[in-house]
Every structure is written in structure tokens, then in C-alpha cells.
Amino acid sequence: MGKVAAKMKVMPKSPDIDLDALQERLEESLPEGAKIQGFGRDDVAFGLVALLPAVIVPDDAGGTEAVEEAFAGVEGVESVKVEEVGRL
């Protein structure tokens, strides 16, 4: 089975959220078989900064859906969006 790399955009609920702590919570929430290859950050507006995790997941049914659901359930996350997906 192959693997898929996905660049995601995670928006925090407010500009006051500690991004380092949010990043740790995202890493802890990953479903089995998924891993984070790295994080980027994107200044959105008015002090709000989005996290841009690069996630590697197995290429099976559902793709990034389990990761999206896990990230959406993390405290401090407003929204989760898949920006890019590609096979490895």
C-alpha cells in the first residue's frame, strides 16, 4: 500500500491561542498510521496565524478524512482544510 502526503491548513479559534501548544495537541491527536512531516505557518490577518501541517497517511479508503476529523476535535481549532494532496 502506498502513502499520501497532504498539506493542510488548520485555523485556530483566535489570535490569542498558543500555536506551539496547539501544534503539540495536533500531533497527539493523529490517528494510527498517520504522521506529521513538518509544520509551516501562514499569517492570515489581524494577528491570526494558521498552522500548515504536512501529513503522511496510508493510501487507503478515506484518505485524509480521519486526520481531518481528529484535528477538528482538538481544543482551539476553528477549521481544518486540505490544501494539497499527492502520492508518495
PDB file of N, CA and C in Angstrom:
ATOM      1  N   MET A   1       0.846  -1.170   0.000  1.00  0.00           N
ATOM      2  CA  MET A   1       0.000   0.000   0.000  1.00  0.00           C
ATOM      3  C   MET A   1       0.899   1.244   0.000  1.00  0.00           C
ATOM      4  N   GLY A   2       0.536   2.239  -0.808  1.00  0.00           N
ATOM      5  CA  GLY A   2       1.309   3.470  -0.897  1.00  0.00           C
ATOM      6  C   GLY A   2       0.954   4.450   0.203  1.00  0.00           C
ATOM      7  N   LYS A   3       1.554   5.614   0.103  1.00  0.00           N
ATOM      8  CA  LYS A   3       1.288   6.666   1.081  1.00  0.00           C
ATOM      9  C   LYS A   3       0.919   7.941   0.352  1.00  0.00           C
ATOM     10  N   VAL A   4       0.205   8.783   1.066  1.00  0.00           N
ATOM     11  CA  VAL A   4      -0.255  10.059   0.533  1.00  0.00           C
ATOM     12  C   VAL A   4       0.262  11.172   1.433  1.00  0.00           C
ATOM     13  N   ALA A   5       0.741  12.252   0.806  1.00  0.00           N
ATOM     14  CA  ALA A   5       1.158  13.441   1.555  1.00  0.00           C
ATOM     15  C   ALA A   5       0.082  14.499   1.360  1.00  0.00           C
ATOM     16  N   ALA A   6      -0.327  15.117   2.445  1.00  0.00           N
ATOM     17  CA  ALA A   6      -1.342  16.158   2.383  1.00  0.00           C
ATOM     18  C   ALA A   6      -0.866  17.395   3.132  1.00  0.00           C
ATOM     19  N   LYS A   7      -0.972  18.536   2.472  1.00  0.00           N
ATOM     20  CA  LYS A   7      -0.693  19.805   3.134  1.00  0.00           C
ATOM     21  C   LYS A   7      -2.042  20.340   3.598  1.00  0.00           C
ATOM     22  N   MET A   8      -2.149  20.576   4.901  1.00  0.00           N
ATOM     23  CA  MET A   8      -3.414  21.002   5.480  1.00  0.00           C
ATOM     24  C   MET A   8      -3.287  22.409   6.057  1.00  0.00           C
ATOM     25  N   LYS A   9      -4.421  23.046   6.236  1.00  0.00           N
ATOM     26  CA  LYS A   9      -4.458  24.374   6.842  1.00  0.00           C
ATOM     27  C   LYS A   9      -5.376  24.296   8.056  1.00  0.00           C
ATOM     28  N   VAL A  10      -4.806  24.555   9.232  1.00  0.00           N
ATOM     29  CA  VAL A  10      -5.557  24.495  10.478  1.00  0.00           C
ATOM     30  C   VAL A  10      -5.668  25.913  11.026  1.00  0.00           C
ATOM     31  N   MET A  11      -6.908  26.398  11.114  1.00  0.00           N
ATOM     32  CA  MET A  11      -7.151  27.743  11.625  1.00  0.00           C
ATOM     33  C   MET A  11      -7.477  27.674  13.120  1.00  0.00           C
ATOM     34  N   PRO A  12      -6.750  28.435  13.938  1.00  0.00           N
ATOM     35  CA  PRO A  12      -7.074  28.493  15.364  1.00  0.00           C
ATOM     36  C   PRO A  12      -8.311  29.361  15.593  1.00  0.00           C
ATOM     37  N   LYS A  13      -8.950  29.187  16.754  1.00  0.00           N
ATOM     38  CA  LYS A  13     -10.170  29.941  17.064  1.00  0.00           C
ATOM     39  C   LYS A  13      -9.911  31.420  17.279  1.00  0.00           C
ATOM     40  N   SER A  14      -8.705  31.777  17.725  1.00  0.00           N
ATOM     41  CA  SER A  14      -8.406  33.195  17.946  1.00  0.00           C
ATOM     42  C   SER A  14      -6.911  33.435  17.818  1.00  0.00           C
ATOM     43  N   PRO A  15      -6.513  34.713  17.647  1.00  0.00           N
ATOM     44  CA  PRO A  15      -5.087  35.028  17.564  1.00  0.00           C
ATOM     45  C   PRO A  15      -4.359  34.838  18.893  1.00  0.00           C
ATOM     46  N   ASP A  16      -5.106  34.672  19.987  1.00  0.00           N
ATOM     47  CA  ASP A  16      -4.506  34.542  21.314  1.00  0.00           C
ATOM     48  C   ASP A  16      -4.053  33.122  21.644  1.00  0.00           C
ATOM     49  N   ILE A  17      -4.378  32.168  20.801  1.00  0.00           N
ATOM     50  CA  ILE A  17      -4.037  30.767  21.075  1.00  0.00           C
ATOM     51  C   ILE A  17      -2.535  30.553  20.914  1.00  0.00           C
ATOM     52  N   ASP A  18      -1.947  29.816  21.845  1.00  0.00           N
ATOM     53  CA  ASP A  18      -0.528  29.461  21.802  1.00  0.00           C
ATOM     54  C   ASP A  18      -0.332  28.429  20.687  1.00  0.00           C
ATOM     55  N   LEU A  19       0.319  28.844  19.604  1.00  0.00           N
ATOM     56  CA  LEU A  19       0.468  27.957  18.442  1.00  0.00           C
ATOM     57  C   LEU A  19       1.361  26.756  18.719  1.00  0.00           C
ATOM     58  N   ASP A  20       2.359  26.921  19.580  1.00  0.00           N
ATOM     59  CA  ASP A  20       3.221  25.784  19.918  1.00  0.00           C
ATOM     60  C   ASP A  20       2.427  24.709  20.656  1.00  0.00           C
ATOM     61  N   ALA A  21       1.574  25.128  21.582  1.00  0.00           N
ATOM     62  CA  ALA A  21       0.738  24.176  22.321  1.00  0.00           C
ATOM     63  C   ALA A  21      -0.289  23.537  21.387  1.00  0.00           C
ATOM     64  N   LEU A  22      -0.851  24.321  20.483  1.00  0.00           N
ATOM     65  CA  LEU A  22      -1.817  23.791  19.520  1.00  0.00           C
ATOM     66  C   LEU A  22      -1.145  22.758  18.614  1.00  0.00           C
ATOM     67  N   GLN A  23       0.059  23.044  18.204  1.00  0.00           N
ATOM     68  CA  GLN A  23       0.824  22.122  17.365  1.00  0.00           C
ATOM     69  C   GLN A  23       1.032  20.796  18.089  1.00  0.00           C
ATOM     70  N   GLU A  24       1.367  20.847  19.373  1.00  0.00           N
ATOM     71  CA  GLU A  24       1.546  19.622  20.159  1.00  0.00           C
ATOM     72  C   GLU A  24       0.247  18.829  20.254  1.00  0.00           C
ATOM     73  N   ARG A  25      -0.867  19.532  20.472  1.00  0.00           N
ATOM     74  CA  ARG A  25      -2.169  18.846  20.568  1.00  0.00           C
ATOM     75  C   ARG A  25      -2.534  18.184  19.239  1.00  0.00           C
ATOM     76  N   LEU A  26      -2.199  18.829  18.125  1.00  0.00           N
ATOM     77  CA  LEU A  26      -2.467  18.234  16.815  1.00  0.00           C
ATOM     78  C   LEU A  26      -1.650  16.958  16.635  1.00  0.00           C
ATOM     79  N   GLU A  27      -0.374  16.998  17.016  1.00  0.00           N
ATOM     80  CA  GLU A  27       0.480  15.815  16.894  1.00  0.00           C
ATOM     81  C   GLU A  27      -0.045  14.660  17.751  1.00  0.00           C
ATOM     82  N   GLU A  28      -0.543  14.975  18.948  1.00  0.00           N
ATOM     83  CA  GLU A  28      -1.068  13.944  19.852  1.00  0.00           C
ATOM     84  C   GLU A  28      -2.376  13.351  19.348  1.00  0.00           C
ATOM     85  N   SER A  29      -3.122  14.092  18.531  1.00  0.00           N
ATOM     86  CA  SER A  29      -4.440  13.637  18.080  1.00  0.00           C
ATOM     87  C   SER A  29      -4.392  12.751  16.833  1.00  0.00           C
ATOM     88  N   LEU A  30      -3.219  12.601  16.229  1.00  0.00           N
ATOM     89  CA  LEU A  30      -3.113  11.848  14.971  1.00  0.00           C
ATOM     90  C   LEU A  30      -3.624  10.418  15.105  1.00  0.00           C
ATOM     91  N   PRO A  31      -4.404   9.969  14.118  1.00  0.00           N
ATOM     92  CA  PRO A  31      -4.838   8.570  14.129  1.00  0.00           C
ATOM     93  C   PRO A  31      -3.667   7.637  13.813  1.00  0.00           C
ATOM     94  N   GLU A  32      -3.824   6.375  14.126  1.00  0.00           N
ATOM     95  CA  GLU A  32      -2.767   5.385  13.888  1.00  0.00           C
ATOM     96  C   GLU A  32      -2.420   5.322  12.404  1.00  0.00           C
ATOM     97  N   GLY A  33      -1.129   5.269  12.115  1.00  0.00           N
ATOM     98  CA  GLY A  33      -0.666   5.172  10.739  1.00  0.00           C
ATOM     99  C   GLY A  33      -0.343   6.515  10.100  1.00  0.00           C
ATOM    100  N   ALA A  34      -0.784   7.609  10.716  1.00  0.00           N
ATOM    101  CA  ALA A  34      -0.513   8.946  10.182  1.00  0.00           C
ATOM    102  C   ALA A  34       0.642   9.580  10.941  1.00  0.00           C
ATOM    103  N   LYS A  35       1.388  10.430  10.248  1.00  0.00           N
ATOM    104  CA  LYS A  35       2.455  11.160  10.928  1.00  0.00           C
ATOM    105  C   LYS A  35       2.597  12.540  10.292  1.00  0.00           C
ATOM    106  N   ILE A  36       3.098  13.474  11.082  1.00  0.00           N
ATOM    107  CA  ILE A  36       3.319  14.827  10.597  1.00  0.00           C
ATOM    108  C   ILE A  36       4.771  14.948  10.172  1.00  0.00           C
ATOM    109  N   GLN A  37       4.977  15.366   8.933  1.00  0.00           N
ATOM    110  CA  GLN A  37       6.317  15.524   8.377  1.00  0.00           C
ATOM    111  C   GLN A  37       6.924  16.871   8.765  1.00  0.00           C
ATOM    112  N   GLY A  38       6.087  17.852   9.014  1.00  0.00           N
ATOM    113  CA  GLY A  38       6.574  19.175   9.394  1.00  0.00           C
ATOM    114  C   GLY A  38       5.425  20.170   9.471  1.00  0.00           C
ATOM    115  N   PHE A  39       5.709  21.337  10.025  1.00  0.00           N
ATOM    116  CA  PHE A  39       4.708  22.388  10.160  1.00  0.00           C
ATOM    117  C   PHE A  39       5.209  23.668   9.520  1.00  0.00           C
ATOM    118  N   GLY A  40       4.318  24.378   8.879  1.00  0.00           N
ATOM    119  CA  GLY A  40       4.572  25.732   8.422  1.00  0.00           C
ATOM    120  C   GLY A  40       3.567  26.643   9.109  1.00  0.00           C
ATOM    121  N   ARG A  41       3.754  27.926   8.942  1.00  0.00           N
ATOM    122  CA  ARG A  41       2.801  28.895   9.499  1.00  0.00           C
ATOM    123  C   ARG A  41       2.499  29.941   8.442  1.00  0.00           C
ATOM    124  N   ASP A  42       1.262  30.422   8.456  1.00  0.00           N
ATOM    125  CA  ASP A  42       0.815  31.397   7.467  1.00  0.00           C
ATOM    126  C   ASP A  42       0.087  32.532   8.183  1.00  0.00           C
ATOM    127  N   ASP A  43       0.621  33.755   8.051  1.00  0.00           N
ATOM    128  CA  ASP A  43      -0.058  34.926   8.610  1.00  0.00           C
ATOM    129  C   ASP A  43      -1.307  35.187   7.783  1.00  0.00           C
ATOM    130  N   VAL A  44      -2.463  35.097   8.433  1.00  0.00           N
ATOM    131  CA  VAL A  44      -3.726  35.240   7.716  1.00  0.00           C
ATOM    132  C   VAL A  44      -4.171  36.705   7.721  1.00  0.00           C
ATOM    133  N   ALA A  45      -4.503  37.224   8.904  1.00  0.00           N
ATOM    134  CA  ALA A  45      -4.934  38.615   9.016  1.00  0.00           C
ATOM    135  C   ALA A  45      -5.143  38.961  10.484  1.00  0.00           C
ATOM    136  N   PHE A  46      -4.920  40.226  10.808  1.00  0.00           N
ATOM    137  CA  PHE A  46      -5.206  40.750  12.142  1.00  0.00           C
ATOM    138  C   PHE A  46      -4.570  39.912  13.253  1.00  0.00           C
ATOM    139  N   GLY A  47      -3.353  39.448  13.040  1.00  0.00           N
ATOM    140  CA  GLY A  47      -2.635  38.686  14.046  1.00  0.00           C
ATOM    141  C   GLY A  47      -2.964  37.205  14.069  1.00  0.00           C
ATOM    142  N   LEU A  48      -3.888  36.762  13.231  1.00  0.00           N
ATOM    143  CA  LEU A  48      -4.263  35.348  13.178  1.00  0.00           C
ATOM    144  C   LEU A  48      -3.266  34.594  12.300  1.00  0.00           C
ATOM    145  N   VAL A  49      -2.737  33.494  12.836  1.00  0.00           N
ATOM    146  CA  VAL A  49      -1.744  32.685  12.119  1.00  0.00           C
ATOM    147  C   VAL A  49      -2.275  31.259  11.996  1.00  0.00           C
ATOM    148  N   ALA A  50      -2.302  30.750  10.763  1.00  0.00           N
ATOM    149  CA  ALA A  50      -2.737  29.373  10.520  1.00  0.00           C
ATOM    150  C   ALA A  50      -1.542  28.438  10.593  1.00  0.00           C
ATOM    151  N   LEU A  51      -1.766  27.221  11.084  1.00  0.00           N
ATOM    152  CA  LEU A  51      -0.746  26.175  11.059  1.00  0.00           C
ATOM    153  C   LEU A  51      -0.917  25.377   9.768  1.00  0.00           C
ATOM    154  N   LEU A  52       0.210  25.014   9.161  1.00  0.00           N
ATOM    155  CA  LEU A  52       0.190  24.266   7.906  1.00  0.00           C
ATOM    156  C   LEU A  52       0.944  22.945   8.068  1.00  0.00           C
ATOM    157  N   PRO A  53       0.293  21.942   8.675  1.00  0.00           N
ATOM    158  CA  PRO A  53       0.980  20.659   8.833  1.00  0.00           C
ATOM    159  C   PRO A  53       1.030  19.886   7.521  1.00  0.00           C
ATOM    160  N   ALA A  54       2.164  19.228   7.272  1.00  0.00           N
ATOM    161  CA  ALA A  54       2.302  18.285   6.158  1.00  0.00           C
ATOM    162  C   ALA A  54       2.140  16.900   6.768  1.00  0.00           C
ATOM    163  N   VAL A  55       1.095  16.205   6.371  1.00  0.00           N
ATOM    164  CA  VAL A  55       0.728  14.933   6.987  1.00  0.00           C
ATOM    165  C   VAL A  55       0.908  13.791   5.994  1.00  0.00           C
ATOM    166  N   ILE A  56       1.506  12.703   6.459  1.00  0.00           N
ATOM    167  CA  ILE A  56       1.669  11.494   5.650  1.00  0.00           C
ATOM    168  C   ILE A  56       0.679  10.454   6.188  1.00  0.00           C
ATOM    169  N   VAL A  57      -0.171   9.928   5.277  1.00  0.00           N
ATOM    170  CA  VAL A  57      -1.162   8.920   5.669  1.00  0.00           C
ATOM    171  C   VAL A  57      -1.118   7.755   4.684  1.00  0.00           C
ATOM    172  N   PRO A  58      -1.543   6.565   5.119  1.00  0.00           N
ATOM    173  CA  PRO A  58      -1.620   5.427   4.192  1.00  0.00           C
ATOM    174  C   PRO A  58      -2.641   5.720   3.091  1.00  0.00           C
ATOM    175  N   ASP A  59      -2.376   5.215   1.903  1.00  0.00           N
ATOM    176  CA  ASP A  59      -3.267   5.418   0.759  1.00  0.00           C
ATOM    177  C   ASP A  59      -4.347   4.339   0.772  1.00  0.00           C
ATOM    178  N   ASP A  60      -5.348   4.541   1.596  1.00  0.00           N
ATOM    179  CA  ASP A  60      -6.456   3.591   1.647  1.00  0.00           C
ATOM    180  C   ASP A  60      -7.766   4.368   1.635  1.00  0.00           C
ATOM    181  N   ALA A  61      -8.861   3.680   1.768  1.00  0.00           N
ATOM    182  CA  ALA A  61     -10.166   4.319   1.746  1.00  0.00           C
ATOM    183  C   ALA A  61     -10.256   5.392   2.829  1.00  0.00           C
ATOM    184  N   GLY A  62     -10.763   6.524   2.470  1.00  0.00           N
ATOM    185  CA  GLY A  62     -10.922   7.607   3.435  1.00  0.00           C
ATOM    186  C   GLY A  62      -9.827   8.649   3.345  1.00  0.00           C
ATOM    187  N   GLY A  63      -8.652   8.278   2.862  1.00  0.00           N
ATOM    188  CA  GLY A  63      -7.553   9.227   2.688  1.00  0.00           C
ATOM    189  C   GLY A  63      -7.267  10.045   3.930  1.00  0.00           C
ATOM    190  N   THR A  64      -7.433  11.341   3.835  1.00  0.00           N
ATOM    191  CA  THR A  64      -7.108  12.251   4.939  1.00  0.00           C
ATOM    192  C   THR A  64      -8.284  12.491   5.885  1.00  0.00           C
ATOM    193  N   GLU A  65      -9.395  11.847   5.635  1.00  0.00           N
ATOM    194  CA  GLU A  65     -10.610  12.107   6.420  1.00  0.00           C
ATOM    195  C   GLU A  65     -10.409  11.881   7.924  1.00  0.00           C
ATOM    196  N   ALA A  66      -9.738  10.809   8.304  1.00  0.00           N
ATOM    197  CA  ALA A  66      -9.528  10.525   9.730  1.00  0.00           C
ATOM    198  C   ALA A  66      -8.675  11.613  10.379  1.00  0.00           C
ATOM    199  N   VAL A  67      -7.679  12.114   9.651  1.00  0.00           N
ATOM    200  CA  VAL A  67      -6.820  13.181  10.183  1.00  0.00           C
ATOM    201  C   VAL A  67      -7.621  14.471  10.311  1.00  0.00           C
ATOM    202  N   GLU A  68      -8.421  14.778   9.302  1.00  0.00           N
ATOM    203  CA  GLU A  68      -9.252  15.985   9.351  1.00  0.00           C
ATOM    204  C   GLU A  68     -10.183  15.952  10.564  1.00  0.00           C
ATOM    205  N   GLU A  69     -10.831  14.810  10.790  1.00  0.00           N
ATOM    206  CA  GLU A  69     -11.742  14.677  11.926  1.00  0.00           C
ATOM    207  C   GLU A  69     -10.993  14.798  13.253  1.00  0.00           C
ATOM    208  N   ALA A  70      -9.810  14.191  13.333  1.00  0.00           N
ATOM    209  CA  ALA A  70      -9.011  14.259  14.559  1.00  0.00           C
ATOM    210  C   ALA A  70      -8.600  15.699  14.847  1.00  0.00           C
ATOM    211  N   PHE A  71      -8.105  16.401  13.837  1.00  0.00           N
ATOM    212  CA  PHE A  71      -7.683  17.792  14.004  1.00  0.00           C
ATOM    213  C   PHE A  71      -8.867  18.686  14.379  1.00  0.00           C
ATOM    214  N   ALA A  72     -10.028  18.455  13.768  1.00  0.00           N
ATOM    215  CA  ALA A  72     -11.207  19.276  14.050  1.00  0.00           C
ATOM    216  C   ALA A  72     -11.663  19.133  15.504  1.00  0.00           C
ATOM    217  N   GLY A  73     -11.367  17.994  16.126  1.00  0.00           N
ATOM    218  CA  GLY A  73     -11.762  17.761  17.505  1.00  0.00           C
ATOM    219  C   GLY A  73     -10.785  18.302  18.536  1.00  0.00           C
ATOM    220  N   VAL A  74      -9.673  18.890  18.091  1.00  0.00           N
ATOM    221  CA  VAL A  74      -8.668  19.408  19.015  1.00  0.00           C
ATOM    222  C   VAL A  74      -9.111  20.759  19.569  1.00  0.00           C
ATOM    223  N   GLU A  75      -8.912  20.938  20.864  1.00  0.00           N
ATOM    224  CA  GLU A  75      -9.269  22.195  21.518  1.00  0.00           C
ATOM    225  C   GLU A  75      -8.506  23.361  20.891  1.00  0.00           C
ATOM    226  N   GLY A  76      -9.235  24.418  20.520  1.00  0.00           N
ATOM    227  CA  GLY A  76      -8.616  25.609  19.956  1.00  0.00           C
ATOM    228  C   GLY A  76      -8.637  25.663  18.438  1.00  0.00           C
ATOM    229  N   VAL A  77      -9.135  24.602  17.784  1.00  0.00           N
ATOM    230  CA  VAL A  77      -9.178  24.569  16.318  1.00  0.00           C
ATOM    231  C   VAL A  77     -10.536  25.070  15.834  1.00  0.00           C
ATOM    232  N   GLU A  78     -10.491  26.058  14.949  1.00  0.00           N
ATOM    233  CA  GLU A  78     -11.718  26.594  14.341  1.00  0.00           C
ATOM    234  C   GLU A  78     -12.104  25.794  13.101  1.00  0.00           C
ATOM    235  N   SER A  79     -11.119  25.535  12.213  1.00  0.00           N
ATOM    236  CA  SER A  79     -11.421  24.791  10.993  1.00  0.00           C
ATOM    237  C   SER A  79     -10.176  24.071  10.486  1.00  0.00           C
ATOM    238  N   VAL A  80     -10.430  23.046   9.655  1.00  0.00           N
ATOM    239  CA  VAL A  80      -9.362  22.250   9.045  1.00  0.00           C
ATOM    240  C   VAL A  80      -9.691  22.120   7.558  1.00  0.00           C
ATOM    241  N   LYS A  81      -8.692  22.378   6.723  1.00  0.00           N
ATOM    242  CA  LYS A  81      -8.904  22.302   5.277  1.00  0.00           C
ATOM    243  C   LYS A  81      -7.691  21.628   4.640  1.00  0.00           C
ATOM    244  N   VAL A  82      -7.954  20.754   3.680  1.00  0.00           N
ATOM    245  CA  VAL A  82      -6.878  20.129   2.919  1.00  0.00           C
ATOM    246  C   VAL A  82      -6.526  21.065   1.767  1.00  0.00           C
ATOM    247  N   GLU A  83      -5.267  21.493   1.708  1.00  0.00           N
ATOM    248  CA  GLU A  83      -4.813  22.426   0.669  1.00  0.00           C
ATOM    249  C   GLU A  83      -4.290  21.685  -0.564  1.00  0.00           C
ATOM    250  N   GLU A  84      -3.477  20.637  -0.345  1.00  0.00           N
ATOM    251  CA  GLU A  84      -2.877  19.879  -1.442  1.00  0.00           C
ATOM    252  C   GLU A  84      -2.769  18.406  -1.041  1.00  0.00           C
ATOM    253  N   VAL A  85      -2.872  17.523  -2.015  1.00  0.00           N
ATOM    254  CA  VAL A  85      -2.701  16.094  -1.773  1.00  0.00           C
ATOM    255  C   VAL A  85      -1.902  15.500  -2.925  1.00  0.00           C
ATOM    256  N   GLY A  86      -0.981  14.610  -2.588  1.00  0.00           N
ATOM    257  CA  GLY A  86      -0.194  13.942  -3.623  1.00  0.00           C
ATOM    258  C   GLY A  86       0.291  12.596  -3.122  1.00  0.00           C
ATOM    259  N   ARG A  87       0.538  11.689  -4.054  1.00  0.00           N
ATOM    260  CA  ARG A  87       1.055  10.359  -3.692  1.00  0.00           C
ATOM    261  C   ARG A  87       2.557  10.407  -3.537  1.00  0.00           C
ATOM    262  N   LEU A  88       3.064   9.572  -2.643  1.00  0.00           N
ATOM    263  CA  LEU A  88       4.499   9.446  -2.453  1.00  0.00           C
ATOM    264  C   LEU A  88       5.020   8.228  -3.169  1.00  0.00           C
TER     265      LEU A  88
END
